Amino acid sequence: MMEEIDLIVLVADMDAYWAIRTLLEKRHRSLGIRRDIQFEIVRHPQRDSGVLLHAHEFLRQYLNRAEHALVILDREGSGRDQCLAEDLEREIEDRLVRNGWPSDRVAAIVLDPELEVWVWTRSPHVARVIGLNVDALQAVLDSEPARPDGKPQHPKEALEKALRRSGRPFSARIFQELAENVSLRASERAFDKFKYTLQGWFPPEREG
């Protein structure tokens, strides 16, 4: 019999795998959650579109083993790029509930447009991890169209451009380093849902 766990997380790729694993393992205090969560992270072989369409099937094997299920994917690459992220989240959550998961034990997080949107905070660690000084990184951002919140409109392309300028290869290690170091206080819809969902499921232990 397999060991029961607190949380199963379904992601689309290694970038998300390392970002989420690092946050859960090393940033519990910044997230405002307890530190001893027993979790597993699994990747869907069909990436974002597979997560969107088949999360309920993929996670059926964890229904009686995991207390909670978290599904994370990018809107871009899902095959439903023109849909609102919130609508895709509700669709995934509805399928999970129809397949046996209690509604208070599941959540879907659709990154809009993609995981790289979490990279762009005002933390000086972003420039250091990318391998540029702050002014050089700002020059890259100034050359990119921006969203109303100041983040680049195409966050993955902006990251790729910055890495080309620094000479650092694009790899999942970048997301691991950023997750270890950047501030988690910046407000962004998907990240806020991620953080507050975890806080509701795994509140920190009371001291004393």
C-alpha atoms as a PDB file:
ATOM      1  CA  MET A   1       0.000   0.000   0.000  1.00  0.00           C
ATOM      2  CA  MET A   2       1.412   3.388  -1.013  1.00  0.00           C
ATOM      3  CA  GLU A   3       2.031   6.033   1.632  1.00  0.00           C
ATOM      4  CA  GLU A   4      -0.613   8.707   2.016  1.00  0.00           C
ATOM      5  CA  ILE A   5       0.437  12.294   1.260  1.00  0.00           C
ATOM      6  CA  ASP A   6      -0.903  15.751   2.005  1.00  0.00           C
ATOM      7  CA  LEU A   7      -0.661  17.134  -1.511  1.00  0.00           C
ATOM      8  CA  ILE A   8      -0.316  15.997  -5.096  1.00  0.00           C
ATOM      9  CA  VAL A   9       0.676  18.654  -7.623  1.00  0.00           C
ATOM     10  CA  LEU A  10       0.262  18.158 -11.369  1.00  0.00           C
ATOM     11  CA  VAL A  11       2.413  20.385 -13.586  1.00  0.00           C
ATOM     12  CA  ALA A  12       3.243  20.579 -17.292  1.00  0.00           C
ATOM     13  CA  ASP A  13       7.042  20.705 -17.419  1.00  0.00           C
ATOM     14  CA  MET A  14      10.326  20.713 -15.512  1.00  0.00           C
ATOM     15  CA  ASP A  15      10.374  24.506 -15.148  1.00  0.00           C
ATOM     16  CA  ALA A  16       7.165  24.401 -13.132  1.00  0.00           C
ATOM     17  CA  TYR A  17       8.299  21.243 -11.330  1.00  0.00           C
ATOM     18  CA  TRP A  18      11.410  22.913  -9.920  1.00  0.00           C
ATOM     19  CA  ALA A  19       9.689  26.201  -9.159  1.00  0.00           C
ATOM     20  CA  ILE A  20       6.900  24.542  -7.165  1.00  0.00           C
ATOM     21  CA  ARG A  21       9.182  22.000  -5.483  1.00  0.00           C
ATOM     22  CA  THR A  22      11.538  24.742  -4.331  1.00  0.00           C
ATOM     23  CA  LEU A  23       8.715  26.906  -3.015  1.00  0.00           C
ATOM     24  CA  LEU A  24       7.206  24.026  -1.025  1.00  0.00           C
ATOM     25  CA  GLU A  25      10.532  22.770   0.316  1.00  0.00           C
ATOM     26  CA  LYS A  26      12.326  26.036   1.079  1.00  0.00           C
ATOM     27  CA  ARG A  27       9.885  28.939   1.177  1.00  0.00           C
ATOM     28  CA  HIS A  28       7.199  27.695   3.567  1.00  0.00           C
ATOM     29  CA  ARG A  29       7.766  30.640   5.912  1.00  0.00           C
ATOM     30  CA  SER A  30       7.413  33.201   3.108  1.00  0.00           C
ATOM     31  CA  LEU A  31       4.322  31.399   1.816  1.00  0.00           C
ATOM     32  CA  GLY A  32       2.785  31.360   5.289  1.00  0.00           C
ATOM     33  CA  ILE A  33       2.333  27.589   5.438  1.00  0.00           C
ATOM     34  CA  ARG A  34       3.564  24.808   7.664  1.00  0.00           C
ATOM     35  CA  ARG A  35       6.910  23.227   6.867  1.00  0.00           C
ATOM     36  CA  ASP A  36       6.237  19.482   7.026  1.00  0.00           C
ATOM     37  CA  ILE A  37       3.926  19.010   4.033  1.00  0.00           C
ATOM     38  CA  GLN A  38       4.224  15.564   2.482  1.00  0.00           C
ATOM     39  CA  PHE A  39       3.861  16.185  -1.246  1.00  0.00           C
ATOM     40  CA  GLU A  40       4.559  14.755  -4.671  1.00  0.00           C
ATOM     41  CA  ILE A  41       4.852  16.636  -7.964  1.00  0.00           C
ATOM     42  CA  VAL A  42       4.141  14.861 -11.233  1.00  0.00           C
ATOM     43  CA  ARG A  43       4.393  16.052 -14.831  1.00  0.00           C
ATOM     44  CA  HIS A  44       1.864  15.350 -17.550  1.00  0.00           C
ATOM     45  CA  PRO A  45       3.538  13.946 -20.695  1.00  0.00           C
ATOM     46  CA  GLN A  46       1.279  16.086 -22.907  1.00  0.00           C
ATOM     47  CA  ARG A  47       2.345  19.264 -21.128  1.00  0.00           C
ATOM     48  CA  ASP A  48      -0.132  22.142 -20.754  1.00  0.00           C
ATOM     49  CA  SER A  49      -2.831  20.782 -23.057  1.00  0.00           C
ATOM     50  CA  GLY A  50      -2.656  17.415 -21.298  1.00  0.00           C
ATOM     51  CA  VAL A  51      -2.985  19.053 -17.899  1.00  0.00           C
ATOM     52  CA  LEU A  52      -5.974  21.089 -19.074  1.00  0.00           C
ATOM     53  CA  LEU A  53      -7.896  18.228 -20.657  1.00  0.00           C
ATOM     54  CA  HIS A  54      -6.865  15.209 -18.611  1.00  0.00           C
ATOM     55  CA  ALA A  55      -5.941  16.333 -15.085  1.00  0.00           C
ATOM     56  CA  HIS A  56      -9.022  14.596 -13.688  1.00  0.00           C
ATOM     57  CA  GLU A  57      -7.997  11.295 -15.277  1.00  0.00           C
ATOM     58  CA  PHE A  58      -4.336  11.627 -14.386  1.00  0.00           C
ATOM     59  CA  LEU A  59      -5.086  12.391 -10.730  1.00  0.00           C
ATOM     60  CA  ARG A  60      -7.719   9.696 -10.244  1.00  0.00           C
ATOM     61  CA  GLN A  61      -5.030   7.359  -8.890  1.00  0.00           C
ATOM     62  CA  TYR A  62      -4.367   9.839  -6.061  1.00  0.00           C
ATOM     63  CA  LEU A  63      -7.984  10.303  -4.996  1.00  0.00           C
ATOM     64  CA  ASN A  64      -7.721   8.020  -1.956  1.00  0.00           C
ATOM     65  CA  ARG A  65      -4.055   8.704  -1.303  1.00  0.00           C
ATOM     66  CA  ALA A  66      -3.670  12.500  -1.363  1.00  0.00           C
ATOM     67  CA  GLU A  67      -5.588  14.867   0.881  1.00  0.00           C
ATOM     68  CA  HIS A  68      -5.395  17.732  -1.633  1.00  0.00           C
ATOM     69  CA  ALA A  69      -4.717  18.149  -5.363  1.00  0.00           C
ATOM     70  CA  LEU A  70      -3.235  21.198  -7.047  1.00  0.00           C
ATOM     71  CA  VAL A  71      -3.153  21.553 -10.847  1.00  0.00           C
ATOM     72  CA  ILE A  72      -0.822  24.131 -12.436  1.00  0.00           C
ATOM     73  CA  LEU A  73      -0.469  25.006 -16.121  1.00  0.00           C
ATOM     74  CA  ASP A  74       0.165  27.874 -18.536  1.00  0.00           C
ATOM     75  CA  ARG A  75      -2.699  29.457 -20.446  1.00  0.00           C
ATOM     76  CA  GLU A  76      -0.448  29.835 -23.483  1.00  0.00           C
ATOM     77  CA  GLY A  77       0.259  26.390 -24.843  1.00  0.00           C
ATOM     78  CA  SER A  78      -2.903  24.885 -23.387  1.00  0.00           C
ATOM     79  CA  GLY A  79      -4.677  24.916 -26.750  1.00  0.00           C
ATOM     80  CA  ARG A  80      -7.210  27.353 -25.297  1.00  0.00           C
ATOM     81  CA  ASP A  81      -5.045  30.471 -25.387  1.00  0.00           C
ATOM     82  CA  GLN A  82      -7.978  32.803 -26.054  1.00  0.00           C
ATOM     83  CA  CYS A  83      -9.913  31.737 -22.945  1.00  0.00           C
ATOM     84  CA  LEU A  84      -9.742  33.508 -19.612  1.00  0.00           C
ATOM     85  CA  ALA A  85      -7.461  31.828 -17.102  1.00  0.00           C
ATOM     86  CA  GLU A  86     -10.228  31.866 -14.493  1.00  0.00           C
ATOM     87  CA  ASP A  87     -12.605  30.036 -16.834  1.00  0.00           C
ATOM     88  CA  LEU A  88     -10.022  27.321 -17.475  1.00  0.00           C
ATOM     89  CA  GLU A  89      -9.460  26.945 -13.740  1.00  0.00           C
ATOM     90  CA  ARG A  90     -13.170  26.445 -13.111  1.00  0.00           C
ATOM     91  CA  GLU A  91     -13.349  23.899 -15.930  1.00  0.00           C
ATOM     92  CA  ILE A  92     -10.513  21.834 -14.461  1.00  0.00           C
ATOM     93  CA  GLU A  93     -11.876  22.065 -10.919  1.00  0.00           C
ATOM     94  CA  ASP A  94     -15.367  21.044 -12.081  1.00  0.00           C
ATOM     95  CA  ARG A  95     -13.964  17.945 -13.787  1.00  0.00           C
ATOM     96  CA  LEU A  96     -12.018  16.988 -10.683  1.00  0.00           C
ATOM     97  CA  VAL A  97     -15.129  17.329  -8.514  1.00  0.00           C
ATOM     98  CA  ARG A  98     -17.227  15.291 -10.936  1.00  0.00           C
ATOM     99  CA  ASN A  99     -14.568  12.588 -10.708  1.00  0.00           C
ATOM    100  CA  GLY A 100     -14.750  12.281  -6.944  1.00  0.00           C
ATOM    101  CA  TRP A 101     -12.583  15.027  -5.438  1.00  0.00           C
ATOM    102  CA  PRO A 102     -14.295  17.168  -2.779  1.00  0.00           C
ATOM    103  CA  SER A 103     -14.404  20.766  -3.989  1.00  0.00           C
ATOM    104  CA  ASP A 104     -12.513  22.055  -0.944  1.00  0.00           C
ATOM    105  CA  ARG A 105      -9.604  19.690  -1.635  1.00  0.00           C
ATOM    106  CA  VAL A 106      -8.738  20.750  -5.180  1.00  0.00           C
ATOM    107  CA  ALA A 107      -7.577  23.895  -6.953  1.00  0.00           C
ATOM    108  CA  ALA A 108      -6.369  24.750 -10.449  1.00  0.00           C
ATOM    109  CA  ILE A 109      -3.882  27.548 -11.119  1.00  0.00           C
ATOM    110  CA  VAL A 110      -3.665  28.799 -14.711  1.00  0.00           C
ATOM    111  CA  LEU A 111      -0.636  31.051 -15.198  1.00  0.00           C
ATOM    112  CA  ASP A 112      -1.436  33.976 -17.457  1.00  0.00           C
ATOM    113  CA  PRO A 113       0.136  33.791 -19.920  1.00  0.00           C
ATOM    114  CA  GLU A 114       2.834  31.411 -18.604  1.00  0.00           C
ATOM    115  CA  LEU A 115       5.095  30.488 -15.675  1.00  0.00           C
ATOM    116  CA  GLU A 116       7.625  33.176 -16.600  1.00  0.00           C
ATOM    117  CA  VAL A 117       5.177  35.831 -15.392  1.00  0.00           C
ATOM    118  CA  TRP A 118       6.290  34.855 -11.862  1.00  0.00           C
ATOM    119  CA  VAL A 119       9.903  35.667 -12.757  1.00  0.00           C
ATOM    120  CA  TRP A 120       9.352  39.386 -13.166  1.00  0.00           C
ATOM    121  CA  THR A 121       9.368  40.876  -9.709  1.00  0.00           C
ATOM    122  CA  ARG A 122      11.280  43.956  -8.530  1.00  0.00           C
ATOM    123  CA  SER A 123      13.684  41.784  -6.551  1.00  0.00           C
ATOM    124  CA  PRO A 124      17.377  42.428  -7.330  1.00  0.00           C
ATOM    125  CA  HIS A 125      17.824  38.650  -7.253  1.00  0.00           C
ATOM    126  CA  VAL A 126      16.171  38.449 -10.687  1.00  0.00           C
ATOM    127  CA  ALA A 127      19.050  40.288 -12.363  1.00  0.00           C
ATOM    128  CA  ARG A 128      21.634  38.274 -10.424  1.00  0.00           C
ATOM    129  CA  VAL A 129      20.138  34.909 -11.370  1.00  0.00           C
ATOM    130  CA  ILE A 130      19.826  35.911 -15.021  1.00  0.00           C
ATOM    131  CA  GLY A 131      23.406  37.152 -15.002  1.00  0.00           C
ATOM    132  CA  LEU A 132      22.922  40.846 -15.771  1.00  0.00           C
ATOM    133  CA  ASN A 133      23.282  43.983 -13.706  1.00  0.00           C
ATOM    134  CA  VAL A 134      20.070  45.811 -12.816  1.00  0.00           C
ATOM    135  CA  ASP A 135      20.506  48.488 -15.502  1.00  0.00           C
ATOM    136  CA  ALA A 136      21.140  45.941 -18.267  1.00  0.00           C
ATOM    137  CA  LEU A 137      18.089  43.950 -17.238  1.00  0.00           C
ATOM    138  CA  GLN A 138      15.958  47.082 -17.159  1.00  0.00           C
ATOM    139  CA  ALA A 139      17.116  47.896 -20.680  1.00  0.00           C
ATOM    140  CA  VAL A 140      15.794  44.526 -21.818  1.00  0.00           C
ATOM    141  CA  LEU A 141      12.468  45.162 -20.126  1.00  0.00           C
ATOM    142  CA  ASP A 142      12.236  48.679 -21.599  1.00  0.00           C
ATOM    143  CA  SER A 143      12.536  47.138 -25.065  1.00  0.00           C
ATOM    144  CA  GLU A 144       9.543  44.861 -24.454  1.00  0.00           C
ATOM    145  CA  PRO A 145       5.832  45.803 -24.471  1.00  0.00           C
ATOM    146  CA  ALA A 146       4.531  45.970 -20.904  1.00  0.00           C
ATOM    147  CA  ARG A 147       1.287  45.016 -19.209  1.00  0.00           C
ATOM    148  CA  PRO A 148      -0.579  47.456 -16.964  1.00  0.00           C
ATOM    149  CA  ASP A 149       1.095  45.870 -13.911  1.00  0.00           C
ATOM    150  CA  GLY A 150       4.542  46.621 -15.357  1.00  0.00           C
ATOM    151  CA  LYS A 151       5.409  43.014 -16.172  1.00  0.00           C
ATOM    152  CA  PRO A 152       6.394  42.221 -19.780  1.00  0.00           C
ATOM    153  CA  GLN A 153       3.474  41.336 -22.017  1.00  0.00           C
ATOM    154  CA  HIS A 154       5.405  38.298 -23.245  1.00  0.00           C
ATOM    155  CA  PRO A 155       7.293  37.167 -20.126  1.00  0.00           C
ATOM    156  CA  LYS A 156       8.936  34.080 -21.638  1.00  0.00           C
ATOM    157  CA  GLU A 157      10.281  36.000 -24.629  1.00  0.00           C
ATOM    158  CA  ALA A 158      11.599  38.711 -22.310  1.00  0.00           C
ATOM    159  CA  LEU A 159      13.387  36.112 -20.192  1.00  0.00           C
ATOM    160  CA  GLU A 160      14.881  34.453 -23.255  1.00  0.00           C
ATOM    161  CA  LYS A 161      16.130  37.838 -24.518  1.00  0.00           C
ATOM    162  CA  ALA A 162      17.711  38.638 -21.143  1.00  0.00           C
ATOM    163  CA  LEU A 163      19.417  35.252 -21.026  1.00  0.00           C
ATOM    164  CA  ARG A 164      20.776  35.662 -24.540  1.00  0.00           C
ATOM    165  CA  ARG A 165      22.255  38.973 -23.476  1.00  0.00           C
ATOM    166  CA  SER A 166      23.843  37.441 -20.376  1.00  0.00           C
ATOM    167  CA  GLY A 167      24.966  34.265 -22.129  1.00  0.00           C
ATOM    168  CA  ARG A 168      23.265  32.000 -19.592  1.00  0.00           C
ATOM    169  CA  PRO A 169      21.410  29.001 -21.079  1.00  0.00           C
ATOM    170  CA  PHE A 170      17.679  28.711 -20.493  1.00  0.00           C
ATOM    171  CA  SER A 171      17.099  25.865 -18.022  1.00  0.00           C
ATOM    172  CA  ALA A 172      14.861  24.729 -15.199  1.00  0.00           C
ATOM    173  CA  ARG A 173      17.684  25.616 -12.789  1.00  0.00           C
ATOM    174  CA  ILE A 174      16.824  29.294 -13.315  1.00  0.00           C
ATOM    175  CA  PHE A 175      13.339  28.749 -11.915  1.00  0.00           C
ATOM    176  CA  GLN A 176      14.757  26.858  -8.961  1.00  0.00           C
ATOM    177  CA  GLU A 177      17.160  29.701  -8.137  1.00  0.00           C
ATOM    178  CA  LEU A 178      14.492  32.360  -8.523  1.00  0.00           C
ATOM    179  CA  ALA A 179      12.043  30.418  -6.348  1.00  0.00           C
ATOM    180  CA  GLU A 180      14.727  30.179  -3.654  1.00  0.00           C
ATOM    181  CA  ASN A 181      15.534  33.884  -3.615  1.00  0.00           C
ATOM    182  CA  VAL A 182      12.948  36.340  -4.906  1.00  0.00           C
ATOM    183  CA  SER A 183      10.415  38.056  -2.685  1.00  0.00           C
ATOM    184  CA  LEU A 184       7.030  36.359  -2.543  1.00  0.00           C
ATOM    185  CA  ARG A 185       5.196  39.524  -1.566  1.00  0.00           C
ATOM    186  CA  ALA A 186       4.477  40.772  -5.080  1.00  0.00           C
ATOM    187  CA  SER A 187       0.807  40.545  -6.017  1.00  0.00           C
ATOM    188  CA  GLU A 188      -0.151  38.572  -9.129  1.00  0.00           C
ATOM    189  CA  ARG A 189      -3.514  36.860  -9.560  1.00  0.00           C
ATOM    190  CA  ALA A 190      -2.337  33.277 -10.121  1.00  0.00           C
ATOM    191  CA  PHE A 191       0.409  33.463  -7.510  1.00  0.00           C
ATOM    192  CA  ASP A 192      -2.007  34.945  -4.981  1.00  0.00           C
ATOM    193  CA  LYS A 193      -4.409  32.052  -5.583  1.00  0.00           C
ATOM    194  CA  PHE A 194      -1.519  29.592  -5.229  1.00  0.00           C
ATOM    195  CA  LYS A 195      -0.392  31.142  -1.950  1.00  0.00           C
ATOM    196  CA  TYR A 196      -3.820  31.592  -0.378  1.00  0.00           C
ATOM    197  CA  THR A 197      -4.926  28.093  -1.387  1.00  0.00           C
ATOM    198  CA  LEU A 198      -1.900  26.592   0.346  1.00  0.00           C
ATOM    199  CA  GLN A 199      -2.445  28.792   3.403  1.00  0.00           C
ATOM    200  CA  GLY A 200      -6.021  27.531   3.658  1.00  0.00           C
ATOM    201  CA  TRP A 201      -4.969  23.899   3.376  1.00  0.00           C
ATOM    202  CA  PHE A 202      -1.750  24.033   5.392  1.00  0.00           C
ATOM    203  CA  PRO A 203      -1.768  26.901   7.888  1.00  0.00           C
ATOM    204  CA  PRO A 204       1.443  27.416   9.854  1.00  0.00           C
ATOM    205  CA  GLU A 205       1.849  25.746  13.215  1.00  0.00           C
ATOM    206  CA  ARG A 206       1.091  27.876  16.220  1.00  0.00           C
ATOM    207  CA  GLU A 207       4.143  28.684  18.272  1.00  0.00           C
ATOM    208  CA  GLY A 208       4.260  27.978  21.979  1.00  0.00           C
END
